[in-house]
Amino acid sequence: MQKIVTDLETPDVVKKRLETAYSILGNRIKYAGPDCGLAFWPDQDLAFKLLENTAKGINEFNAKKKDQDT
């Protein structure tokens, strides 16, 4: 599980996924968040880290998009 959070679900990966989705769907994307089911993870510290990574990725995507729009 730790490898998923630290290697596969980094903020940069989240940002890149949002960029790909945005290139296809544009402004139809209103919300982004992690998959449901985090309450059932065996390690809640890792679940929290995944939420942190998701938030960082979303913030990075929004900042880059804002810079491009101005």
Foldseek 3Di string as FASTA:
>chain_A
DLCCLPPVQALQNLLVVVVVVCVVPPPVDDDDADDPDLVVDPDVVSSVSSRVRNVSNVVVNVVVVVVVVD
